[in-house]
Every structure is written in structure tokens, then in C-alpha cells.
N, C-alpha and C. Protein backbone atom coordinates (compact mmCIF):
# COMPACT_ATOMS: atom_id res chain seq x y z
N MET A 1 122.06 81.87 113.23
CA MET A 1 122.26 83.26 112.93
C MET A 1 122.17 84.06 114.23
N ASP A 2 123.11 84.94 114.41
CA ASP A 2 123.12 85.80 115.58
C ASP A 2 122.14 86.95 115.38
N THR A 3 121.13 87.01 116.24
CA THR A 3 120.14 88.10 116.16
C THR A 3 120.14 88.93 117.44
N SER A 4 121.30 89.07 118.03
CA SER A 4 121.38 89.77 119.32
C SER A 4 121.47 91.29 119.17
N TRP A 5 121.45 91.80 117.95
CA TRP A 5 121.50 93.26 117.77
C TRP A 5 120.24 93.90 118.34
N PRO A 6 120.30 95.19 118.70
CA PRO A 6 119.11 95.85 119.24
C PRO A 6 118.02 95.98 118.18
N LYS A 7 116.81 95.65 118.56
CA LYS A 7 115.65 95.74 117.65
C LYS A 7 115.04 97.14 117.77
N TRP A 8 114.11 97.45 116.85
CA TRP A 8 113.55 98.80 116.82
C TRP A 8 112.90 99.22 118.13
N PRO A 9 112.21 98.32 118.89
CA PRO A 9 111.63 98.80 120.15
C PRO A 9 112.70 99.29 121.14
N GLU A 10 113.83 98.57 121.20
CA GLU A 10 114.91 98.98 122.10
C GLU A 10 115.52 100.31 121.64
N LEU A 11 115.70 100.46 120.34
CA LEU A 11 116.27 101.70 119.81
C LEU A 11 115.35 102.89 120.08
N LEU A 12 114.04 102.69 119.87
CA LEU A 12 113.08 103.76 120.13
C LEU A 12 113.03 104.10 121.62
N ALA A 13 113.02 103.10 122.47
CA ALA A 13 112.98 103.33 123.92
C ALA A 13 114.21 104.13 124.36
N LYS A 14 115.36 103.79 123.82
CA LYS A 14 116.58 104.53 124.16
C LYS A 14 116.46 105.98 123.73
N LYS A 15 115.95 106.20 122.52
CA LYS A 15 115.78 107.55 121.98
C LYS A 15 114.80 108.37 122.84
N LEU A 16 113.74 107.72 123.34
CA LEU A 16 112.72 108.39 124.15
C LEU A 16 113.04 108.37 125.64
N ASP A 17 114.17 107.76 126.00
CA ASP A 17 114.58 107.61 127.40
C ASP A 17 113.49 106.91 128.22
N MET A 18 113.05 105.76 127.71
CA MET A 18 112.01 104.96 128.36
C MET A 18 112.48 103.52 128.48
N GLU A 19 111.86 102.80 129.39
CA GLU A 19 112.08 101.37 129.51
C GLU A 19 111.15 100.68 128.50
N VAL A 20 111.63 99.63 127.86
CA VAL A 20 110.82 98.95 126.85
C VAL A 20 110.28 97.63 127.39
N ILE A 21 109.05 97.33 127.01
CA ILE A 21 108.47 96.01 127.18
C ILE A 21 108.12 95.55 125.77
N ASN A 22 108.90 94.63 125.25
CA ASN A 22 108.70 94.16 123.88
C ASN A 22 107.93 92.84 123.94
N LEU A 23 106.70 92.84 123.44
CA LEU A 23 105.84 91.66 123.49
C LEU A 23 105.90 90.83 122.20
N ALA A 24 106.77 91.20 121.28
CA ALA A 24 106.82 90.54 119.97
C ALA A 24 107.15 89.05 120.09
N HIS A 25 106.51 88.27 119.24
CA HIS A 25 106.78 86.84 119.07
C HIS A 25 106.84 86.55 117.59
N MET A 26 107.83 85.78 117.18
CA MET A 26 107.96 85.42 115.77
C MET A 26 106.69 84.72 115.28
N GLY A 27 106.14 85.22 114.18
CA GLY A 27 104.96 84.60 113.57
C GLY A 27 103.64 84.99 114.19
N ALA A 28 103.67 85.86 115.21
CA ALA A 28 102.43 86.25 115.89
C ALA A 28 101.56 87.09 114.97
N GLY A 29 100.25 86.98 115.18
CA GLY A 29 99.28 87.73 114.41
C GLY A 29 98.68 88.87 115.20
N ASN A 30 97.75 89.57 114.58
CA ASN A 30 97.13 90.73 115.20
C ASN A 30 96.28 90.39 116.42
N GLU A 31 95.73 89.18 116.46
CA GLU A 31 94.97 88.77 117.66
C GLU A 31 95.88 88.74 118.88
N TYR A 32 97.07 88.15 118.71
CA TYR A 32 98.03 88.11 119.80
C TYR A 32 98.47 89.52 120.18
N ILE A 33 98.79 90.33 119.18
CA ILE A 33 99.25 91.69 119.45
C ILE A 33 98.20 92.45 120.26
N PHE A 34 96.95 92.40 119.81
CA PHE A 34 95.86 93.11 120.48
C PHE A 34 95.68 92.61 121.92
N ALA A 35 95.54 91.31 122.09
CA ALA A 35 95.27 90.75 123.42
C ALA A 35 96.44 90.92 124.37
N SER A 36 97.67 90.71 123.90
CA SER A 36 98.82 90.83 124.80
C SER A 36 99.02 92.28 125.24
N LEU A 37 98.73 93.23 124.36
CA LEU A 37 98.80 94.63 124.76
C LEU A 37 97.76 94.96 125.82
N LEU A 38 96.53 94.49 125.61
CA LEU A 38 95.48 94.75 126.60
C LEU A 38 95.83 94.16 127.96
N GLU A 39 96.39 92.95 127.96
CA GLU A 39 96.80 92.33 129.22
C GLU A 39 97.83 93.18 129.95
N GLN A 40 98.79 93.73 129.21
CA GLN A 40 99.80 94.61 129.82
C GLN A 40 99.18 95.92 130.29
N MET A 41 98.28 96.47 129.49
CA MET A 41 97.68 97.76 129.81
C MET A 41 96.89 97.72 131.11
N ILE A 42 96.26 96.60 131.42
CA ILE A 42 95.49 96.53 132.66
C ILE A 42 96.36 96.14 133.86
N SER A 43 97.60 95.72 133.61
CA SER A 43 98.44 95.29 134.72
C SER A 43 99.50 96.32 135.12
N ILE A 44 99.66 97.37 134.34
CA ILE A 44 100.67 98.40 134.63
C ILE A 44 99.95 99.71 134.94
N PRO A 45 100.31 100.37 136.04
CA PRO A 45 99.68 101.66 136.34
C PRO A 45 99.90 102.67 135.21
N LEU A 46 98.87 103.43 134.90
CA LEU A 46 98.90 104.40 133.81
C LEU A 46 100.10 105.34 133.92
N LYS A 47 100.42 105.78 135.12
CA LYS A 47 101.52 106.74 135.30
C LYS A 47 102.88 106.15 134.92
N GLU A 48 102.96 104.83 134.81
CA GLU A 48 104.21 104.17 134.43
C GLU A 48 104.30 103.89 132.93
N ILE A 49 103.28 104.28 132.17
CA ILE A 49 103.26 104.01 130.73
C ILE A 49 103.58 105.30 129.98
N GLY A 50 104.68 105.29 129.23
CA GLY A 50 105.07 106.45 128.45
C GLY A 50 104.52 106.42 127.04
N LEU A 51 104.42 105.22 126.45
CA LEU A 51 103.93 105.08 125.09
C LEU A 51 103.59 103.61 124.83
N ILE A 52 102.47 103.38 124.18
CA ILE A 52 102.10 102.04 123.72
C ILE A 52 102.12 102.10 122.20
N LEU A 53 102.87 101.19 121.59
CA LEU A 53 103.04 101.23 120.14
C LEU A 53 102.95 99.84 119.53
N PRO A 54 101.73 99.42 119.15
CA PRO A 54 101.63 98.15 118.44
C PRO A 54 102.17 98.29 117.02
N ALA A 55 102.91 97.29 116.61
CA ALA A 55 103.39 97.20 115.23
C ALA A 55 102.61 96.05 114.60
N TRP A 56 101.49 96.39 113.97
CA TRP A 56 100.57 95.39 113.43
C TRP A 56 101.21 94.61 112.29
N THR A 57 100.70 93.41 112.07
CA THR A 57 101.29 92.50 111.09
C THR A 57 100.28 92.11 110.02
N GLN A 58 100.61 91.10 109.25
CA GLN A 58 99.72 90.60 108.19
C GLN A 58 98.44 90.04 108.79
N CYS A 59 97.34 90.31 108.14
CA CYS A 59 96.06 89.81 108.65
C CYS A 59 95.89 88.32 108.45
N LYS A 60 96.71 87.70 107.62
CA LYS A 60 96.57 86.26 107.38
C LYS A 60 97.06 85.42 108.56
N ARG A 61 97.82 86.01 109.46
CA ARG A 61 98.34 85.27 110.60
C ARG A 61 97.22 84.99 111.59
N LYS A 62 97.23 83.81 112.16
CA LYS A 62 96.15 83.37 113.05
C LYS A 62 96.74 82.90 114.37
N ASP A 63 96.18 83.39 115.47
CA ASP A 63 96.63 83.01 116.81
C ASP A 63 95.46 82.45 117.61
N ILE A 64 95.76 81.52 118.49
CA ILE A 64 94.78 81.07 119.48
C ILE A 64 95.51 80.92 120.81
N LYS A 65 94.77 81.07 121.88
CA LYS A 65 95.35 80.90 123.21
C LYS A 65 94.68 79.69 123.84
N THR A 66 95.48 78.70 124.17
CA THR A 66 94.95 77.49 124.81
C THR A 66 95.82 77.18 126.02
N GLY A 67 95.16 76.87 127.12
CA GLY A 67 95.90 76.55 128.33
C GLY A 67 96.82 77.66 128.78
N GLY A 68 96.44 78.91 128.52
CA GLY A 68 97.24 80.06 128.93
C GLY A 68 98.44 80.33 128.04
N LYS A 69 98.59 79.58 126.97
CA LYS A 69 99.74 79.75 126.07
C LYS A 69 99.27 80.11 124.66
N TRP A 70 99.93 81.11 124.08
CA TRP A 70 99.60 81.53 122.71
C TRP A 70 100.23 80.58 121.70
N ASN A 71 99.45 80.22 120.70
CA ASN A 71 99.92 79.41 119.58
C ASN A 71 99.71 80.22 118.32
N HIS A 72 100.76 80.38 117.55
CA HIS A 72 100.71 81.14 116.30
C HIS A 72 100.57 80.12 115.18
N LEU A 73 99.34 79.83 114.80
CA LEU A 73 99.04 78.73 113.88
C LEU A 73 99.69 78.88 112.53
N THR A 74 99.80 80.09 112.03
CA THR A 74 100.31 80.28 110.68
C THR A 74 101.83 80.23 110.61
N ARG A 75 102.51 80.23 111.73
CA ARG A 75 103.98 80.17 111.71
C ARG A 75 104.45 78.85 111.11
N GLU A 76 103.73 77.78 111.40
CA GLU A 76 104.12 76.46 110.91
C GLU A 76 103.43 76.09 109.61
N ARG A 77 102.49 76.91 109.17
CA ARG A 77 101.66 76.58 108.01
C ARG A 77 102.50 76.52 106.73
N THR A 78 102.23 75.55 105.90
CA THR A 78 102.93 75.44 104.63
C THR A 78 102.04 75.78 103.45
N GLU A 79 100.75 75.85 103.66
CA GLU A 79 99.85 76.18 102.56
C GLU A 79 99.52 77.67 102.57
N SER A 80 99.02 78.16 101.46
CA SER A 80 98.63 79.56 101.38
C SER A 80 97.28 79.75 102.09
N ILE A 81 96.86 80.98 102.13
CA ILE A 81 95.59 81.36 102.75
C ILE A 81 94.41 80.59 102.16
N HIS A 82 94.50 80.22 100.90
CA HIS A 82 93.38 79.55 100.24
C HIS A 82 93.03 78.21 100.88
N TYR A 83 94.02 77.56 101.48
CA TYR A 83 93.78 76.25 102.09
C TYR A 83 93.26 76.35 103.52
N THR A 84 93.32 77.52 104.11
CA THR A 84 92.88 77.69 105.49
C THR A 84 91.63 78.55 105.60
N THR A 85 91.05 78.96 104.48
CA THR A 85 89.89 79.86 104.48
C THR A 85 88.72 79.28 105.25
N TYR A 86 88.44 78.02 105.06
CA TYR A 86 87.29 77.40 105.72
C TYR A 86 87.43 77.48 107.24
N ILE A 87 88.62 77.30 107.73
CA ILE A 87 88.85 77.28 109.18
C ILE A 87 88.95 78.69 109.75
N HIS A 88 89.67 79.58 109.08
CA HIS A 88 90.01 80.88 109.65
C HIS A 88 89.40 82.08 108.95
N GLY A 89 88.59 81.88 107.92
CA GLY A 89 87.97 83.00 107.22
C GLY A 89 88.78 83.45 106.02
N ASN A 90 88.08 84.09 105.07
CA ASN A 90 88.76 84.54 103.86
C ASN A 90 89.52 85.85 104.12
N MET A 91 90.21 86.35 103.11
CA MET A 91 91.02 87.54 103.29
C MET A 91 90.20 88.77 103.63
N GLU A 92 89.02 88.92 103.04
CA GLU A 92 88.18 90.07 103.37
C GLU A 92 87.82 90.05 104.86
N TYR A 93 87.48 88.88 105.37
CA TYR A 93 87.16 88.74 106.80
C TYR A 93 88.37 89.09 107.65
N ARG A 94 89.52 88.58 107.28
CA ARG A 94 90.73 88.81 108.08
C ARG A 94 91.14 90.29 108.06
N ILE A 95 90.98 90.94 106.91
CA ILE A 95 91.26 92.37 106.83
C ILE A 95 90.31 93.12 107.76
N GLU A 96 89.03 92.80 107.67
CA GLU A 96 88.02 93.45 108.51
C GLU A 96 88.32 93.27 109.99
N GLN A 97 88.68 92.05 110.39
CA GLN A 97 89.00 91.78 111.79
C GLN A 97 90.20 92.61 112.25
N SER A 98 91.21 92.72 111.42
CA SER A 98 92.39 93.51 111.79
C SER A 98 92.03 94.98 111.95
N ILE A 99 91.27 95.52 111.02
CA ILE A 99 90.89 96.93 111.10
C ILE A 99 90.03 97.19 112.34
N ILE A 100 89.16 96.26 112.67
CA ILE A 100 88.36 96.38 113.90
C ILE A 100 89.28 96.39 115.12
N GLN A 101 90.33 95.57 115.12
CA GLN A 101 91.28 95.58 116.24
C GLN A 101 92.03 96.90 116.31
N TYR A 102 92.42 97.47 115.16
CA TYR A 102 93.10 98.76 115.16
C TYR A 102 92.21 99.83 115.79
N TYR A 103 90.96 99.86 115.35
CA TYR A 103 90.01 100.86 115.86
C TYR A 103 89.72 100.63 117.35
N SER A 104 89.52 99.39 117.72
CA SER A 104 89.23 99.07 119.13
C SER A 104 90.40 99.47 120.02
N PHE A 105 91.61 99.17 119.58
CA PHE A 105 92.80 99.55 120.35
C PHE A 105 92.83 101.07 120.53
N GLN A 106 92.61 101.79 119.45
CA GLN A 106 92.59 103.26 119.50
C GLN A 106 91.58 103.76 120.53
N GLU A 107 90.37 103.24 120.47
CA GLU A 107 89.30 103.73 121.35
C GLU A 107 89.55 103.34 122.81
N ILE A 108 90.11 102.17 123.06
CA ILE A 108 90.45 101.76 124.43
C ILE A 108 91.53 102.69 124.98
N CYS A 109 92.54 102.98 124.17
CA CYS A 109 93.60 103.89 124.62
C CYS A 109 93.06 105.28 124.90
N LYS A 110 92.25 105.80 124.00
CA LYS A 110 91.69 107.14 124.19
C LYS A 110 90.83 107.21 125.45
N SER A 111 89.97 106.22 125.64
CA SER A 111 89.04 106.27 126.77
C SER A 111 89.74 106.08 128.12
N ASN A 112 90.95 105.51 128.10
CA ASN A 112 91.70 105.30 129.33
C ASN A 112 92.92 106.22 129.46
N ASN A 113 93.04 107.17 128.53
CA ASN A 113 94.14 108.14 128.52
C ASN A 113 95.53 107.52 128.40
N PHE A 114 95.62 106.39 127.69
CA PHE A 114 96.92 105.79 127.43
C PHE A 114 97.60 106.54 126.29
N PRO A 115 98.89 106.88 126.44
CA PRO A 115 99.62 107.49 125.33
C PRO A 115 99.92 106.41 124.29
N PHE A 116 99.57 106.65 123.03
CA PHE A 116 99.73 105.58 122.04
C PHE A 116 99.94 106.12 120.64
N LYS A 117 100.51 105.30 119.83
CA LYS A 117 100.61 105.43 118.37
C LYS A 117 100.41 104.03 117.84
N GLN A 118 100.16 103.89 116.53
CA GLN A 118 100.06 102.59 115.89
C GLN A 118 100.82 102.64 114.56
N VAL A 119 101.37 101.51 114.17
CA VAL A 119 102.01 101.38 112.85
C VAL A 119 101.66 100.02 112.26
N GLN A 120 101.67 99.97 110.95
CA GLN A 120 101.50 98.70 110.23
C GLN A 120 102.91 98.26 109.86
N MET A 121 103.50 97.39 110.68
CA MET A 121 104.90 97.00 110.48
C MET A 121 105.08 96.16 109.21
N ILE A 122 104.21 95.17 109.02
CA ILE A 122 104.25 94.32 107.83
C ILE A 122 102.94 94.58 107.09
N PRO A 123 102.99 94.78 105.77
CA PRO A 123 101.75 95.09 105.04
C PRO A 123 100.61 94.12 105.37
N ILE A 124 99.43 94.68 105.53
CA ILE A 124 98.27 93.93 106.03
C ILE A 124 97.91 92.72 105.17
N CYS A 125 98.02 92.82 103.85
CA CYS A 125 97.56 91.68 103.05
C CYS A 125 98.51 91.25 101.94
N ARG A 126 99.65 91.85 101.80
CA ARG A 126 100.57 91.40 100.76
C ARG A 126 101.13 90.03 101.13
N GLY A 127 101.33 89.20 100.12
CA GLY A 127 101.89 87.88 100.34
C GLY A 127 100.90 86.83 100.79
N TYR A 128 99.60 87.18 100.78
CA TYR A 128 98.57 86.25 101.26
C TYR A 128 98.51 84.98 100.43
N ASP A 129 98.96 85.05 99.19
CA ASP A 129 98.83 83.91 98.29
C ASP A 129 100.10 83.06 98.19
N TRP A 130 101.09 83.32 99.05
CA TRP A 130 102.34 82.57 99.01
C TRP A 130 102.12 81.15 99.51
N ASN A 131 102.57 80.19 98.73
CA ASN A 131 102.51 78.78 99.11
C ASN A 131 103.93 78.34 99.38
N ASP A 132 104.27 78.21 100.67
CA ASP A 132 105.63 77.89 101.08
C ASP A 132 106.05 76.51 100.58
N ARG A 133 105.13 75.58 100.62
CA ARG A 133 105.43 74.20 100.20
C ARG A 133 105.82 74.16 98.73
N LEU A 134 105.08 74.90 97.90
CA LEU A 134 105.34 74.91 96.46
C LEU A 134 106.29 76.03 96.03
N GLN A 135 106.58 76.96 96.95
CA GLN A 135 107.45 78.11 96.69
C GLN A 135 106.95 78.95 95.51
N ILE A 136 105.64 79.23 95.51
CA ILE A 136 105.06 80.06 94.46
C ILE A 136 104.00 80.99 95.04
N HIS A 137 103.71 82.07 94.32
CA HIS A 137 102.54 82.91 94.60
C HIS A 137 101.41 82.35 93.75
N GLU A 138 100.36 81.87 94.40
CA GLU A 138 99.30 81.18 93.67
C GLU A 138 98.47 82.09 92.78
N ASP A 139 98.22 83.32 93.23
CA ASP A 139 97.38 84.24 92.45
C ASP A 139 98.18 85.32 91.74
N ARG A 140 99.46 85.40 92.02
CA ARG A 140 100.33 86.41 91.41
C ARG A 140 99.74 87.82 91.51
N GLY A 141 99.16 88.13 92.66
CA GLY A 141 98.65 89.47 92.91
C GLY A 141 97.33 89.81 92.26
N LYS A 142 96.63 88.83 91.72
CA LYS A 142 95.40 89.12 90.98
C LYS A 142 94.32 89.74 91.87
N TRP A 143 94.37 89.49 93.18
CA TRP A 143 93.34 90.02 94.08
C TRP A 143 93.76 91.31 94.78
N ASP A 144 94.98 91.78 94.53
CA ASP A 144 95.47 92.95 95.25
C ASP A 144 94.52 94.14 95.19
N LYS A 145 94.05 94.50 94.02
CA LYS A 145 93.16 95.66 93.88
C LYS A 145 91.87 95.46 94.66
N GLU A 146 91.32 94.26 94.62
CA GLU A 146 90.07 93.99 95.34
C GLU A 146 90.28 94.06 96.85
N LEU A 147 91.41 93.55 97.33
CA LEU A 147 91.68 93.59 98.77
C LEU A 147 91.94 95.02 99.22
N LEU A 148 92.66 95.80 98.44
CA LEU A 148 92.88 97.20 98.78
C LEU A 148 91.57 97.98 98.78
N LYS A 149 90.70 97.68 97.83
CA LYS A 149 89.38 98.31 97.80
C LYS A 149 88.61 97.95 99.07
N HIS A 150 88.73 96.71 99.51
CA HIS A 150 88.05 96.28 100.73
C HIS A 150 88.54 97.09 101.94
N ILE A 151 89.84 97.34 102.01
CA ILE A 151 90.39 98.17 103.09
C ILE A 151 89.79 99.56 103.02
N HIS A 152 89.80 100.16 101.85
CA HIS A 152 89.36 101.55 101.71
C HIS A 152 87.84 101.72 101.73
N ASP A 153 87.11 100.62 101.61
CA ASP A 153 85.65 100.66 101.75
C ASP A 153 85.19 100.36 103.18
N SER A 154 86.14 100.11 104.06
CA SER A 154 85.80 99.78 105.45
C SER A 154 85.07 100.96 106.11
N PRO A 155 84.05 100.67 106.93
CA PRO A 155 83.37 101.76 107.65
C PRO A 155 84.29 102.43 108.67
N PHE A 156 85.44 101.82 108.95
CA PHE A 156 86.38 102.38 109.93
C PHE A 156 87.46 103.24 109.29
N ILE A 157 87.50 103.30 107.96
CA ILE A 157 88.60 103.97 107.26
C ILE A 157 88.78 105.41 107.74
N ASP A 158 87.69 106.12 107.98
CA ASP A 158 87.78 107.51 108.43
C ASP A 158 87.69 107.66 109.95
N LYS A 159 87.56 106.56 110.66
CA LYS A 159 87.47 106.59 112.12
C LYS A 159 88.83 106.43 112.79
N ILE A 160 89.76 105.84 112.06
CA ILE A 160 91.09 105.64 112.61
C ILE A 160 91.86 106.95 112.45
N GLU A 161 92.43 107.43 113.55
CA GLU A 161 92.99 108.77 113.62
C GLU A 161 94.47 108.82 113.25
N SER A 162 95.01 110.02 113.27
CA SER A 162 96.41 110.23 112.86
C SER A 162 97.41 109.61 113.83
N THR A 163 96.95 109.10 114.96
CA THR A 163 97.85 108.36 115.85
C THR A 163 98.29 107.05 115.21
N PHE A 164 97.59 106.62 114.15
CA PHE A 164 98.01 105.46 113.36
C PHE A 164 98.90 106.02 112.26
N LEU A 165 100.19 105.91 112.44
CA LEU A 165 101.15 106.51 111.52
C LEU A 165 101.06 105.82 110.16
N GLY A 166 100.85 106.62 109.11
CA GLY A 166 100.77 106.09 107.76
C GLY A 166 99.39 105.58 107.35
N TRP A 167 98.36 105.78 108.19
CA TRP A 167 97.01 105.32 107.86
C TRP A 167 96.39 106.25 106.83
N PRO A 168 95.62 105.78 105.90
CA PRO A 168 95.42 104.36 105.55
C PRO A 168 96.60 103.85 104.75
N MET A 169 96.96 102.63 105.01
CA MET A 169 98.14 102.05 104.38
C MET A 169 97.80 101.44 103.03
N ASP A 170 98.82 101.02 102.34
CA ASP A 170 98.69 100.29 101.07
C ASP A 170 97.87 101.02 100.02
N ARG A 171 98.14 102.29 99.82
CA ARG A 171 97.47 103.02 98.73
C ARG A 171 98.17 102.65 97.42
N LYS A 172 97.38 102.19 96.45
CA LYS A 172 97.94 101.86 95.12
C LYS A 172 97.11 102.54 94.07
């Protein structure tokens, strides 16, 4: 499939008359997004940064960096979140970790005067129960209300500012 069309970062950069640095990787999780942005932020002079805009993804995605290379563990995964809970934490933990990254990113940007916005590109927890191998949703959304409540009960819910476009997300 030809995917050479301009992606949203290129379109936005053109609209804002800025040069784009697109750090996206297929299947990457919020750990990769957070860390790769920080690495760029410390390597580029502030005066050369017009806007930093992470497009956060599903919290179920898991990344690790080994030997200087990022591995997106969930890209190859065939089981649902239920089979990886022991290794990578349950959904409540993953939601909490993502929200902590959103808040941490915000505070790092503010304290260093980086121009920034944030968006939740892919819903934080929808699809967590998809089993690719079996091609089914294992829980059929039975936990959706509880997971959304977990998001809205977070101690960070009122700490994340309007620079996070659409926050808080997933209101049902």
C-alpha cells in the first residue's frame, strides 16, 4: 500500500510555516513518545523550537529501549491485554502511567518555556480487550465505565491544563 501522502504533522507544519520533526513509529506507545520527545527537547536549542505536539496513543502499548534501540512490544503481540498484565501491569496501571507522562511532559515544557500542546490521537483505553489471534473483543466493553472512572478519578485530572486539547478525553 502506498502511504506516501502527507501526514498530519507535515500538513500542520506547512500551515504554521515550520519545519517538522516527526518522531512517530508504527505501534509505538506513550513511553516511546515521552522519551523520544525529551531526547529531542534537550538536543535542539529552544529558539529553534516553534511547537512541540505529542499525539498520545493507547496506554496498552508497551515500549522498551535496549541497546539504544526502541522495541514496541505490543506491535507484534497477538493476545489481548489480559495475557500481558503480569508482565506489563493492568489497565488501571497503564492508564495511570500515561496520565503521569502527560502531566510530566506539561510541567517539563512549562518549566523550560517550550511552546507545546498535547492531543490524544488514539483513545487511551478503547480496544484494550481485542484479541488479534482470535479476532474477538474478549470483554465486549464490560470494563469501559470502570476504566473511564479511573481516568476521571486520577489526582492529575484537574492538573492537566488547556494546552492538552480535548482534555479530559473519553467522556461517556
